[in-house]
Amino acid sequence: MKKDFHPDYNPVIFQDMTTGTRFITRSTAKSAKTEEIDGVEHFIISMGVTSDSHPFYTGQKQFVDTAGRIDKFQKRFGSVRRVGKPKIG
């Protein structure tokens, strides 16, 4: 097997930025921020969305106002008519 072929596998903390939940695992990812836990240096990687905050895993649904979007579209483009295809020849 070749030496120095695979990347380093490091202890890492993935931290959810919205909820603050931390997942301690190992990864090849690194960061400038570190924290020592039980005598082991862990890289801290901030994540925008994790299973702790993603709507699919939490069961929280976001309400999308589709009726409002349709009304806005009709106000802006409702009076615009389509132009027919140009005649060739």
PDB file of N, CA and C in Angstrom:
ATOM      1  N   MET A   1       0.843  -1.176   0.000  1.00  0.00           N
ATOM      2  CA  MET A   1       0.000   0.000   0.000  1.00  0.00           C
ATOM      3  C   MET A   1       0.890   1.242   0.000  1.00  0.00           C
ATOM      4  N   LYS A   2       0.484   2.268  -0.734  1.00  0.00           N
ATOM      5  CA  LYS A   2       1.276   3.492  -0.820  1.00  0.00           C
ATOM      6  C   LYS A   2       1.213   4.272   0.490  1.00  0.00           C
ATOM      7  N   LYS A   3       2.324   4.870   0.857  1.00  0.00           N
ATOM      8  CA  LYS A   3       2.354   5.703   2.052  1.00  0.00           C
ATOM      9  C   LYS A   3       1.844   7.099   1.697  1.00  0.00           C
ATOM     10  N   ASP A   4       1.230   7.763   2.684  1.00  0.00           N
ATOM     11  CA  ASP A   4       0.718   9.138   2.543  1.00  0.00           C
ATOM     12  C   ASP A   4      -0.265   9.284   1.381  1.00  0.00           C
ATOM     13  N   PHE A   5      -1.016   8.241   1.095  1.00  0.00           N
ATOM     14  CA  PHE A   5      -1.981   8.274   0.006  1.00  0.00           C
ATOM     15  C   PHE A   5      -3.343   8.790   0.482  1.00  0.00           C
ATOM     16  N   HIS A   6      -3.759   8.356   1.658  1.00  0.00           N
ATOM     17  CA  HIS A   6      -5.065   8.734   2.187  1.00  0.00           C
ATOM     18  C   HIS A   6      -4.965   9.991   3.049  1.00  0.00           C
ATOM     19  N   PRO A   7      -6.029  10.813   3.070  1.00  0.00           N
ATOM     20  CA  PRO A   7      -6.010  12.009   3.921  1.00  0.00           C
ATOM     21  C   PRO A   7      -6.084  11.624   5.402  1.00  0.00           C
ATOM     22  N   ASP A   8      -5.672  12.550   6.264  1.00  0.00           N
ATOM     23  CA  ASP A   8      -5.713  12.311   7.707  1.00  0.00           C
ATOM     24  C   ASP A   8      -7.155  12.253   8.189  1.00  0.00           C
ATOM     25  N   TYR A   9      -7.426  11.352   9.116  1.00  0.00           N
ATOM     26  CA  TYR A   9      -8.751  11.148   9.690  1.00  0.00           C
ATOM     27  C   TYR A   9      -8.699  11.725  11.098  1.00  0.00           C
ATOM     28  N   ASN A  10      -9.423  12.820  11.351  1.00  0.00           N
ATOM     29  CA  ASN A  10      -9.295  13.571  12.595  1.00  0.00           C
ATOM     30  C   ASN A  10     -10.582  13.554  13.415  1.00  0.00           C
ATOM     31  N   PRO A  11     -10.464  13.711  14.744  1.00  0.00           N
ATOM     32  CA  PRO A  11     -11.660  13.903  15.564  1.00  0.00           C
ATOM     33  C   PRO A  11     -12.255  15.283  15.285  1.00  0.00           C
ATOM     34  N   VAL A  12     -13.574  15.336  15.099  1.00  0.00           N
ATOM     35  CA  VAL A  12     -14.236  16.574  14.682  1.00  0.00           C
ATOM     36  C   VAL A  12     -15.527  16.763  15.476  1.00  0.00           C
ATOM     37  N   ILE A  13     -15.901  18.024  15.713  1.00  0.00           N
ATOM     38  CA  ILE A  13     -17.198  18.366  16.281  1.00  0.00           C
ATOM     39  C   ILE A  13     -17.949  19.160  15.222  1.00  0.00           C
ATOM     40  N   PHE A  14     -19.074  18.624  14.744  1.00  0.00           N
ATOM     41  CA  PHE A  14     -19.942  19.365  13.838  1.00  0.00           C
ATOM     42  C   PHE A  14     -20.985  20.065  14.706  1.00  0.00           C
ATOM     43  N   GLN A  15     -21.037  21.392  14.641  1.00  0.00           N
ATOM     44  CA  GLN A  15     -21.940  22.163  15.489  1.00  0.00           C
ATOM     45  C   GLN A  15     -22.991  22.864  14.641  1.00  0.00           C
ATOM     46  N   ASP A  16     -24.278  22.653  15.002  1.00  0.00           N
ATOM     47  CA  ASP A  16     -25.387  23.305  14.318  1.00  0.00           C
ATOM     48  C   ASP A  16     -25.425  24.766  14.750  1.00  0.00           C
ATOM     49  N   MET A  17     -25.388  25.691  13.801  1.00  0.00           N
ATOM     50  CA  MET A  17     -25.343  27.120  14.127  1.00  0.00           C
ATOM     51  C   MET A  17     -26.676  27.627  14.673  1.00  0.00           C
ATOM     52  N   THR A  18     -27.802  27.015  14.293  1.00  0.00           N
ATOM     53  CA  THR A  18     -29.090  27.522  14.753  1.00  0.00           C
ATOM     54  C   THR A  18     -29.486  26.960  16.114  1.00  0.00           C
ATOM     55  N   THR A  19     -29.239  25.671  16.361  1.00  0.00           N
ATOM     56  CA  THR A  19     -29.669  25.069  17.623  1.00  0.00           C
ATOM     57  C   THR A  19     -28.535  24.903  18.621  1.00  0.00           C
ATOM     58  N   GLY A  20     -27.297  24.912  18.149  1.00  0.00           N
ATOM     59  CA  GLY A  20     -26.158  24.744  19.045  1.00  0.00           C
ATOM     60  C   GLY A  20     -25.822  23.290  19.341  1.00  0.00           C
ATOM     61  N   THR A  21     -26.570  22.357  18.786  1.00  0.00           N
ATOM     62  CA  THR A  21     -26.314  20.935  19.008  1.00  0.00           C
ATOM     63  C   THR A  21     -24.977  20.550  18.399  1.00  0.00           C
ATOM     64  N   ARG A  22     -24.251  19.692  19.110  1.00  0.00           N
ATOM     65  CA  ARG A  22     -22.920  19.277  18.661  1.00  0.00           C
ATOM     66  C   ARG A  22     -22.898  17.781  18.399  1.00  0.00           C
ATOM     67  N   PHE A  23     -22.270  17.386  17.291  1.00  0.00           N
ATOM     68  CA  PHE A  23     -22.107  15.991  16.928  1.00  0.00           C
ATOM     69  C   PHE A  23     -20.614  15.687  16.923  1.00  0.00           C
ATOM     70  N   ILE A  24     -20.183  14.811  17.803  1.00  0.00           N
ATOM     71  CA  ILE A  24     -18.769  14.454  17.900  1.00  0.00           C
ATOM     72  C   ILE A  24     -18.542  13.201  17.073  1.00  0.00           C
ATOM     73  N   THR A  25     -17.623  13.292  16.117  1.00  0.00           N
ATOM     74  CA  THR A  25     -17.357  12.189  15.201  1.00  0.00           C
ATOM     75  C   THR A  25     -15.934  12.314  14.684  1.00  0.00           C
ATOM     76  N   ARG A  26     -15.640  11.615  13.618  1.00  0.00           N
ATOM     77  CA  ARG A  26     -14.329  11.717  12.963  1.00  0.00           C
ATOM     78  C   ARG A  26     -14.548  12.048  11.502  1.00  0.00           C
ATOM     79  N   SER A  27     -13.610  12.816  10.931  1.00  0.00           N
ATOM     80  CA  SER A  27     -13.752  13.241   9.547  1.00  0.00           C
ATOM     81  C   SER A  27     -12.391  13.656   9.005  1.00  0.00           C
ATOM     82  N   THR A  28     -12.320  13.836   7.692  1.00  0.00           N
ATOM     83  CA  THR A  28     -11.102  14.358   7.079  1.00  0.00           C
ATOM     84  C   THR A  28     -11.124  15.876   7.042  1.00  0.00           C
ATOM     85  N   ALA A  29     -12.266  16.486   7.402  1.00  0.00           N
ATOM     86  CA  ALA A  29     -12.394  17.942   7.394  1.00  0.00           C
ATOM     87  C   ALA A  29     -11.608  18.551   8.550  1.00  0.00           C
ATOM     88  N   LYS A  30     -11.110  19.768   8.339  1.00  0.00           N
ATOM     89  CA  LYS A  30     -10.364  20.497   9.368  1.00  0.00           C
ATOM     90  C   LYS A  30     -10.892  21.925   9.443  1.00  0.00           C
ATOM     91  N   SER A  31     -10.586  22.595  10.541  1.00  0.00           N
ATOM     92  CA  SER A  31     -10.916  24.012  10.669  1.00  0.00           C
ATOM     93  C   SER A  31      -9.885  24.675  11.570  1.00  0.00           C
ATOM     94  N   ALA A  32      -9.953  25.992  11.639  1.00  0.00           N
ATOM     95  CA  ALA A  32      -9.016  26.736  12.474  1.00  0.00           C
ATOM     96  C   ALA A  32      -9.400  26.658  13.954  1.00  0.00           C
ATOM     97  N   LYS A  33     -10.704  26.499  14.233  1.00  0.00           N
ATOM     98  CA  LYS A  33     -11.168  26.420  15.619  1.00  0.00           C
ATOM     99  C   LYS A  33     -11.005  24.999  16.144  1.00  0.00           C
ATOM    100  N   THR A  34     -10.496  24.881  17.363  1.00  0.00           N
ATOM    101  CA  THR A  34     -10.340  23.574  17.983  1.00  0.00           C
ATOM    102  C   THR A  34     -10.827  23.618  19.421  1.00  0.00           C
ATOM    103  N   GLU A  35     -11.113  22.436  19.962  1.00  0.00           N
ATOM    104  CA  GLU A  35     -11.511  22.306  21.359  1.00  0.00           C
ATOM    105  C   GLU A  35     -11.008  20.965  21.866  1.00  0.00           C
ATOM    106  N   GLU A  36     -10.558  20.952  23.107  1.00  0.00           N
ATOM    107  CA  GLU A  36     -10.056  19.724  23.691  1.00  0.00           C
ATOM    108  C   GLU A  36     -11.158  19.051  24.507  1.00  0.00           C
ATOM    109  N   ILE A  37     -11.407  17.779  24.225  1.00  0.00           N
ATOM    110  CA  ILE A  37     -12.394  16.991  24.951  1.00  0.00           C
ATOM    111  C   ILE A  37     -11.705  15.704  25.392  1.00  0.00           C
ATOM    112  N   ASP A  38     -11.678  15.457  26.688  1.00  0.00           N
ATOM    113  CA  ASP A  38     -11.044  14.272  27.268  1.00  0.00           C
ATOM    114  C   ASP A  38      -9.605  14.109  26.795  1.00  0.00           C
ATOM    115  N   GLY A  39      -8.898  15.203  26.678  1.00  0.00           N
ATOM    116  CA  GLY A  39      -7.492  15.163  26.286  1.00  0.00           C
ATOM    117  C   GLY A  39      -7.251  14.996  24.802  1.00  0.00           C
ATOM    118  N   VAL A  40      -8.303  15.017  24.000  1.00  0.00           N
ATOM    119  CA  VAL A  40      -8.163  14.870  22.547  1.00  0.00           C
ATOM    120  C   VAL A  40      -8.577  16.179  21.881  1.00  0.00           C
ATOM    121  N   GLU A  41      -7.741  16.677  20.978  1.00  0.00           N
ATOM    122  CA  GLU A  41      -8.004  17.920  20.262  1.00  0.00           C
ATOM    123  C   GLU A  41      -8.977  17.655  19.112  1.00  0.00           C
ATOM    124  N   HIS A  42     -10.144  18.333  19.114  1.00  0.00           N
ATOM    125  CA  HIS A  42     -11.173  18.181  18.077  1.00  0.00           C
ATOM    126  C   HIS A  42     -11.267  19.469  17.261  1.00  0.00           C
ATOM    127  N   PHE A  43     -11.410  19.341  15.947  1.00  0.00           N
ATOM    128  CA  PHE A  43     -11.691  20.489  15.094  1.00  0.00           C
ATOM    129  C   PHE A  43     -13.183  20.798  15.208  1.00  0.00           C
ATOM    130  N   ILE A  44     -13.554  22.090  15.254  1.00  0.00           N
ATOM    131  CA  ILE A  44     -14.957  22.493  15.332  1.00  0.00           C
ATOM    132  C   ILE A  44     -15.384  23.027  13.968  1.00  0.00           C
ATOM    133  N   ILE A  45     -16.397  22.397  13.393  1.00  0.00           N
ATOM    134  CA  ILE A  45     -16.915  22.810  12.087  1.00  0.00           C
ATOM    135  C   ILE A  45     -18.368  23.219  12.267  1.00  0.00           C
ATOM    136  N   SER A  46     -18.676  24.485  11.958  1.00  0.00           N
ATOM    137  CA  SER A  46     -20.039  24.997  12.086  1.00  0.00           C
ATOM    138  C   SER A  46     -20.840  24.656  10.836  1.00  0.00           C
ATOM    139  N   MET A  47     -22.054  24.145  11.055  1.00  0.00           N
ATOM    140  CA  MET A  47     -22.931  23.753   9.962  1.00  0.00           C
ATOM    141  C   MET A  47     -24.206  24.583  10.021  1.00  0.00           C
ATOM    142  N   GLY A  48     -24.726  25.000   8.887  1.00  0.00           N
ATOM    143  CA  GLY A  48     -25.959  25.765   8.837  1.00  0.00           C
ATOM    144  C   GLY A  48     -27.178  24.915   9.114  1.00  0.00           C
ATOM    145  N   VAL A  49     -27.186  23.686   8.600  1.00  0.00           N
ATOM    146  CA  VAL A  49     -28.325  22.787   8.764  1.00  0.00           C
ATOM    147  C   VAL A  49     -27.792  21.393   9.109  1.00  0.00           C
ATOM    148  N   THR A  50     -28.360  20.810  10.150  1.00  0.00           N
ATOM    149  CA  THR A  50     -28.048  19.430  10.507  1.00  0.00           C
ATOM    150  C   THR A  50     -29.363  18.697  10.725  1.00  0.00           C
ATOM    151  N   SER A  51     -29.286  17.445  11.137  1.00  0.00           N
ATOM    152  CA  SER A  51     -30.511  16.684  11.394  1.00  0.00           C
ATOM    153  C   SER A  51     -31.287  17.261  12.574  1.00  0.00           C
ATOM    154  N   ASP A  52     -30.635  18.062  13.414  1.00  0.00           N
ATOM    155  CA  ASP A  52     -31.307  18.666  14.557  1.00  0.00           C
ATOM    156  C   ASP A  52     -32.178  19.862  14.156  1.00  0.00           C
ATOM    157  N   SER A  53     -31.854  20.497  13.030  1.00  0.00           N
ATOM    158  CA  SER A  53     -32.605  21.693  12.637  1.00  0.00           C
ATOM    159  C   SER A  53     -33.315  21.574  11.287  1.00  0.00           C
ATOM    160  N   HIS A  54     -33.066  20.513  10.522  1.00  0.00           N
ATOM    161  CA  HIS A  54     -33.684  20.369   9.207  1.00  0.00           C
ATOM    162  C   HIS A  54     -35.164  20.004   9.355  1.00  0.00           C
ATOM    163  N   PRO A  55     -36.064  20.665   8.612  1.00  0.00           N
ATOM    164  CA  PRO A  55     -37.506  20.404   8.736  1.00  0.00           C
ATOM    165  C   PRO A  55     -37.906  18.948   8.482  1.00  0.00           C
ATOM    166  N   PHE A  56     -37.181  18.237   7.643  1.00  0.00           N
ATOM    167  CA  PHE A  56     -37.513  16.842   7.367  1.00  0.00           C
ATOM    168  C   PHE A  56     -37.374  15.990   8.629  1.00  0.00           C
ATOM    169  N   TYR A  57     -36.331  16.242   9.413  1.00  0.00           N
ATOM    170  CA  TYR A  57     -36.084  15.451  10.614  1.00  0.00           C
ATOM    171  C   TYR A  57     -36.853  15.969  11.827  1.00  0.00           C
ATOM    172  N   THR A  58     -37.120  17.269  11.892  1.00  0.00           N
ATOM    173  CA  THR A  58     -37.808  17.833  13.052  1.00  0.00           C
ATOM    174  C   THR A  58     -39.323  17.719  12.937  1.00  0.00           C
ATOM    175  N   GLY A  59     -39.836  17.562  11.723  1.00  0.00           N
ATOM    176  CA  GLY A  59     -41.275  17.462  11.527  1.00  0.00           C
ATOM    177  C   GLY A  59     -41.959  18.814  11.424  1.00  0.00           C
ATOM    178  N   GLN A  60     -41.205  19.891  11.513  1.00  0.00           N
ATOM    179  CA  GLN A  60     -41.779  21.229  11.394  1.00  0.00           C
ATOM    180  C   GLN A  60     -41.865  21.583   9.920  1.00  0.00           C
ATOM    181  N   LYS A  61     -43.034  22.044   9.512  1.00  0.00           N
ATOM    182  CA  LYS A  61     -43.220  22.438   8.116  1.00  0.00           C
ATOM    183  C   LYS A  61     -43.282  23.949   8.039  1.00  0.00           C
ATOM    184  N   GLN A  62     -42.722  24.478   6.973  1.00  0.00           N
ATOM    185  CA  GLN A  62     -42.784  25.912   6.751  1.00  0.00           C
ATOM    186  C   GLN A  62     -43.976  26.203   5.850  1.00  0.00           C
ATOM    187  N   PHE A  63     -44.780  27.183   6.236  1.00  0.00           N
ATOM    188  CA  PHE A  63     -45.952  27.553   5.453  1.00  0.00           C
ATOM    189  C   PHE A  63     -45.518  28.422   4.283  1.00  0.00           C
ATOM    190  N   VAL A  64     -45.912  28.021   3.090  1.00  0.00           N
ATOM    191  CA  VAL A  64     -45.593  28.772   1.888  1.00  0.00           C
ATOM    192  C   VAL A  64     -46.882  29.387   1.375  1.00  0.00           C
ATOM    193  N   ASP A  65     -46.886  30.696   1.215  1.00  0.00           N
ATOM    194  CA  ASP A  65     -48.077  31.421   0.788  1.00  0.00           C
ATOM    195  C   ASP A  65     -48.165  31.381  -0.735  1.00  0.00           C
ATOM    196  N   THR A  66     -48.705  30.283  -1.281  1.00  0.00           N
ATOM    197  CA  THR A  66     -48.787  30.154  -2.735  1.00  0.00           C
ATOM    198  C   THR A  66     -49.856  31.065  -3.314  1.00  0.00           C
ATOM    199  N   ALA A  67     -50.944  31.276  -2.574  1.00  0.00           N
ATOM    200  CA  ALA A  67     -51.998  32.159  -3.075  1.00  0.00           C
ATOM    201  C   ALA A  67     -51.466  33.580  -3.219  1.00  0.00           C
ATOM    202  N   GLY A  68     -50.683  34.028  -2.273  1.00  0.00           N
ATOM    203  CA  GLY A  68     -50.088  35.358  -2.353  1.00  0.00           C
ATOM    204  C   GLY A  68     -49.137  35.486  -3.523  1.00  0.00           C
ATOM    205  N   ARG A  69     -48.417  34.427  -3.807  1.00  0.00           N
ATOM    206  CA  ARG A  69     -47.489  34.450  -4.936  1.00  0.00           C
ATOM    207  C   ARG A  69     -48.247  34.549  -6.253  1.00  0.00           C
ATOM    208  N   ILE A  70     -49.347  33.816  -6.361  1.00  0.00           N
ATOM    209  CA  ILE A  70     -50.144  33.851  -7.588  1.00  0.00           C
ATOM    210  C   ILE A  70     -50.749  35.231  -7.792  1.00  0.00           C
ATOM    211  N   ASP A  71     -51.264  35.838  -6.702  1.00  0.00           N
ATOM    212  CA  ASP A  71     -51.835  37.184  -6.794  1.00  0.00           C
ATOM    213  C   ASP A  71     -50.783  38.196  -7.239  1.00  0.00           C
ATOM    214  N   LYS A  72     -49.590  38.093  -6.681  1.00  0.00           N
ATOM    215  CA  LYS A  72     -48.512  39.007  -7.069  1.00  0.00           C
ATOM    216  C   LYS A  72     -48.190  38.848  -8.553  1.00  0.00           C
ATOM    217  N   PHE A  73     -48.135  37.588  -9.001  1.00  0.00           N
ATOM    218  CA  PHE A  73     -47.830  37.322 -10.399  1.00  0.00           C
ATOM    219  C   PHE A  73     -48.917  37.905 -11.309  1.00  0.00           C
ATOM    220  N   GLN A  74     -50.194  37.713 -10.949  1.00  0.00           N
ATOM    221  CA  GLN A  74     -51.288  38.231 -11.754  1.00  0.00           C
ATOM    222  C   GLN A  74     -51.264  39.757 -11.803  1.00  0.00           C
ATOM    223  N   LYS A  75     -50.920  40.399 -10.694  1.00  0.00           N
ATOM    224  CA  LYS A  75     -50.853  41.860 -10.680  1.00  0.00           C
ATOM    225  C   LYS A  75     -49.749  42.361 -11.599  1.00  0.00           C
ATOM    226  N   ARG A  76     -48.632  41.665 -11.590  1.00  0.00           N
ATOM    227  CA  ARG A  76     -47.501  42.124 -12.396  1.00  0.00           C
ATOM    228  C   ARG A  76     -47.650  41.784 -13.871  1.00  0.00           C
ATOM    229  N   PHE A  77     -48.116  40.569 -14.168  1.00  0.00           N
ATOM    230  CA  PHE A  77     -48.094  40.099 -15.543  1.00  0.00           C
ATOM    231  C   PHE A  77     -49.469  39.707 -16.082  1.00  0.00           C
ATOM    232  N   GLY A  78     -50.529  39.932 -15.342  1.00  0.00           N
ATOM    233  CA  GLY A  78     -51.863  39.520 -15.757  1.00  0.00           C
ATOM    234  C   GLY A  78     -52.349  40.230 -17.005  1.00  0.00           C
ATOM    235  N   SER A  79     -51.960  41.484 -17.194  1.00  0.00           N
ATOM    236  CA  SER A  79     -52.449  42.246 -18.337  1.00  0.00           C
ATOM    237  C   SER A  79     -51.578  42.066 -19.580  1.00  0.00           C
ATOM    238  N   VAL A  80     -50.450  41.396 -19.452  1.00  0.00           N
ATOM    239  CA  VAL A  80     -49.548  41.199 -20.584  1.00  0.00           C
ATOM    240  C   VAL A  80     -50.092  40.068 -21.452  1.00  0.00           C
ATOM    241  N   ARG A  81     -50.186  40.324 -22.751  1.00  0.00           N
ATOM    242  CA  ARG A  81     -50.704  39.308 -23.670  1.00  0.00           C
ATOM    243  C   ARG A  81     -49.543  38.703 -24.442  1.00  0.00           C
ATOM    244  N   ARG A  82     -49.714  37.443 -24.802  1.00  0.00           N
ATOM    245  CA  ARG A  82     -48.696  36.764 -25.590  1.00  0.00           C
ATOM    246  C   ARG A  82     -48.746  37.248 -27.024  1.00  0.00           C
ATOM    247  N   VAL A  83     -47.612  37.425 -27.599  1.00  0.00           N
ATOM    248  CA  VAL A  83     -47.506  37.813 -28.993  1.00  0.00           C
ATOM    249  C   VAL A  83     -47.444  36.559 -29.823  1.00  0.00           C
ATOM    250  N   GLY A  84     -48.172  36.516 -30.930  1.00  0.00           N
ATOM    251  CA  GLY A  84     -48.174  35.346 -31.800  1.00  0.00           C
ATOM    252  C   GLY A  84     -46.822  35.134 -32.460  1.00  0.00           C
ATOM    253  N   LYS A  85     -46.636  33.958 -33.012  1.00  0.00           N
ATOM    254  CA  LYS A  85     -45.384  33.639 -33.702  1.00  0.00           C
ATOM    255  C   LYS A  85     -45.281  34.494 -34.967  1.00  0.00           C
ATOM    256  N   PRO A  86     -44.088  34.962 -35.270  1.00  0.00           N
ATOM    257  CA  PRO A  86     -43.917  35.731 -36.503  1.00  0.00           C
ATOM    258  C   PRO A  86     -44.080  34.831 -37.725  1.00  0.00           C
ATOM    259  N   LYS A  87     -44.669  35.394 -38.773  1.00  0.00           N
ATOM    260  CA  LYS A  87     -44.887  34.622 -40.000  1.00  0.00           C
ATOM    261  C   LYS A  87     -43.607  34.643 -40.824  1.00  0.00           C
ATOM    262  N   ILE A  88     -43.250  33.489 -41.338  1.00  0.00           N
ATOM    263  CA  ILE A  88     -42.035  33.371 -42.146  1.00  0.00           C
ATOM    264  C   ILE A  88     -42.459  33.267 -43.605  1.00  0.00           C
ATOM    265  N   GLY A  89     -41.849  34.094 -44.441  1.00  0.00           N
ATOM    266  CA  GLY A  89     -42.056  33.988 -45.877  1.00  0.00           C
ATOM    267  C   GLY A  89     -43.030  34.885 -46.456  1.00  0.00           C
TER     268      GLY A  89
END
